[in-house]
Amino acid sequence: MPVRKLALIAVGSLLPLLAQAHTHLQKSTPASNSTSAAPEQLMLQFSEATRLTALTLQKEGVPEAHKLGPLPVQPYKLIHLAAPKLDPGAYVLSWRALGDDGHVMSGTLRFTVVAK
């Protein structure tokens, strides 16, 4: 087999690993698309240590998002923050983070709070 063909096969077999190399959100509380009583804490668990750079919470029907903080300065794999008092309704938690590899990630979690 020519060297060029072997090189292409080797690079092609590494592409799936490279695609998974970036840090990603593994788990959250509240979980995305969940319905529950108001959480006391918000938790984001990443696949690797990550520096959270922005976190906002917006209630459906309210025009402005509420910035949450203070955010940890150091990178962590598991990030806990006290949740503000949440009334029943639908919410969107938006986050932005910087991985150790310098990759900027962002995402949103939608959840619904119901009365106890």
Protein backbone atom coordinates (compact mmCIF):
# COMPACT_ATOMS: atom_id res chain seq x y z
CA MET A 1 0.00 0.00 0.00
CA PRO A 2 1.50 3.38 -0.93
CA VAL A 3 2.64 5.66 1.91
CA ARG A 4 0.22 8.37 0.84
CA LYS A 5 -2.76 6.02 1.17
CA LEU A 6 -1.58 4.88 4.61
CA ALA A 7 -1.27 8.50 5.73
CA LEU A 8 -4.82 9.27 4.58
CA ILE A 9 -6.15 6.23 6.43
CA ALA A 10 -4.26 7.25 9.60
CA VAL A 11 -5.57 10.84 9.47
CA GLY A 12 -9.11 9.64 8.73
CA SER A 13 -9.07 7.34 11.74
CA LEU A 14 -8.02 10.23 14.00
CA LEU A 15 -10.81 12.62 12.92
CA PRO A 16 -13.45 11.18 15.27
CA LEU A 17 -11.02 11.56 18.19
CA LEU A 18 -10.26 15.17 17.26
CA ALA A 19 -13.96 15.98 17.01
CA GLN A 20 -14.48 14.73 20.56
CA ALA A 21 -11.40 16.49 21.96
CA HIS A 22 -13.25 19.68 22.91
CA THR A 23 -14.76 20.02 26.33
CA HIS A 24 -18.52 19.50 26.44
CA LEU A 25 -21.34 19.69 28.96
CA GLN A 26 -22.03 16.22 30.35
CA LYS A 27 -24.73 16.86 32.93
CA SER A 28 -26.70 19.70 34.51
CA THR A 29 -29.09 20.44 37.33
CA PRO A 30 -31.75 21.19 36.44
CA ALA A 31 -31.50 18.82 33.51
CA SER A 32 -32.32 20.17 30.08
CA ASN A 33 -36.05 19.92 29.25
CA SER A 34 -36.91 18.89 32.82
CA THR A 35 -39.87 19.90 34.97
CA SER A 36 -39.47 20.09 38.76
CA ALA A 37 -39.76 22.25 41.84
CA ALA A 38 -37.42 25.25 41.94
CA PRO A 39 -33.79 24.11 42.35
CA GLU A 40 -31.72 25.46 45.23
CA GLN A 41 -28.52 25.13 43.21
CA LEU A 42 -27.53 25.18 39.56
CA MET A 43 -24.91 22.63 38.53
CA LEU A 44 -22.95 22.26 35.30
CA GLN A 45 -20.65 19.26 34.83
CA PHE A 46 -18.18 19.40 31.95
CA SER A 47 -16.01 16.65 30.48
CA GLU A 48 -12.87 18.57 31.46
CA ALA A 49 -11.94 21.53 33.65
CA THR A 50 -13.64 24.58 32.14
CA ARG A 51 -13.74 28.28 33.01
CA LEU A 52 -17.30 29.55 33.02
CA THR A 53 -17.28 33.05 31.48
CA ALA A 54 -21.01 33.87 31.37
CA LEU A 55 -24.20 32.50 32.89
CA THR A 56 -27.65 34.03 32.45
CA LEU A 57 -31.15 32.97 33.35
CA GLN A 58 -34.24 34.21 31.55
CA LYS A 59 -37.85 33.50 32.39
CA GLU A 60 -40.17 33.01 29.44
CA GLY A 61 -42.10 36.22 28.76
CA VAL A 62 -39.53 38.44 30.53
CA PRO A 63 -37.52 40.54 28.05
CA GLU A 64 -34.22 40.66 29.95
CA ALA A 65 -31.95 37.85 31.07
CA HIS A 66 -30.61 37.92 34.63
CA LYS A 67 -26.80 37.57 34.92
CA LEU A 68 -25.83 34.98 37.52
CA GLY A 69 -22.68 35.09 39.60
CA PRO A 70 -20.20 35.45 40.95
CA LEU A 71 -18.66 32.94 38.55
CA PRO A 72 -15.61 30.89 39.59
CA VAL A 73 -12.33 32.38 38.38
CA GLN A 74 -10.53 29.02 38.11
CA PRO A 75 -11.48 26.25 35.67
CA TYR A 76 -13.50 23.40 37.19
CA LYS A 77 -15.07 20.25 35.83
CA LEU A 78 -18.03 20.61 38.23
CA ILE A 79 -19.52 24.06 38.83
CA HIS A 80 -22.19 24.79 41.48
CA LEU A 81 -23.93 28.13 41.98
CA ALA A 82 -26.79 29.07 44.28
CA ALA A 83 -29.98 29.44 42.27
CA PRO A 84 -32.00 32.62 42.62
CA LYS A 85 -35.58 32.30 43.85
CA LEU A 86 -37.52 30.95 40.89
CA ASP A 87 -41.27 31.32 40.50
CA PRO A 88 -43.20 28.71 38.51
CA GLY A 89 -42.67 29.04 34.76
CA ALA A 90 -40.39 28.17 31.87
CA TYR A 91 -36.73 29.24 32.00
CA VAL A 92 -33.66 29.27 29.76
CA LEU A 93 -30.22 28.99 31.36
CA SER A 94 -27.53 30.17 28.91
CA TRP A 95 -23.84 29.55 29.51
CA ARG A 96 -20.53 30.31 27.85
CA ALA A 97 -17.25 28.68 28.85
CA LEU A 98 -13.60 28.48 27.88
CA GLY A 99 -11.99 25.05 27.77
CA ASP A 100 -8.36 24.36 28.67
CA ASP A 101 -7.74 23.94 24.93
CA GLY A 102 -8.80 27.59 24.35
CA HIS A 103 -12.05 26.53 22.66
CA VAL A 104 -15.07 28.73 23.49
CA MET A 105 -18.31 26.78 24.00
CA SER A 106 -21.82 27.89 24.71
CA GLY A 107 -25.17 26.32 25.25
CA THR A 108 -28.66 26.67 26.64
CA LEU A 109 -30.75 24.55 28.98
CA ARG A 110 -34.52 24.86 29.03
CA PHE A 111 -36.43 23.80 32.11
CA THR A 112 -39.76 24.39 33.80
CA VAL A 113 -40.38 25.14 37.47
CA VAL A 114 -43.67 24.00 38.98
CA ALA A 115 -45.22 24.93 42.34
CA LYS A 116 -44.51 22.51 45.18
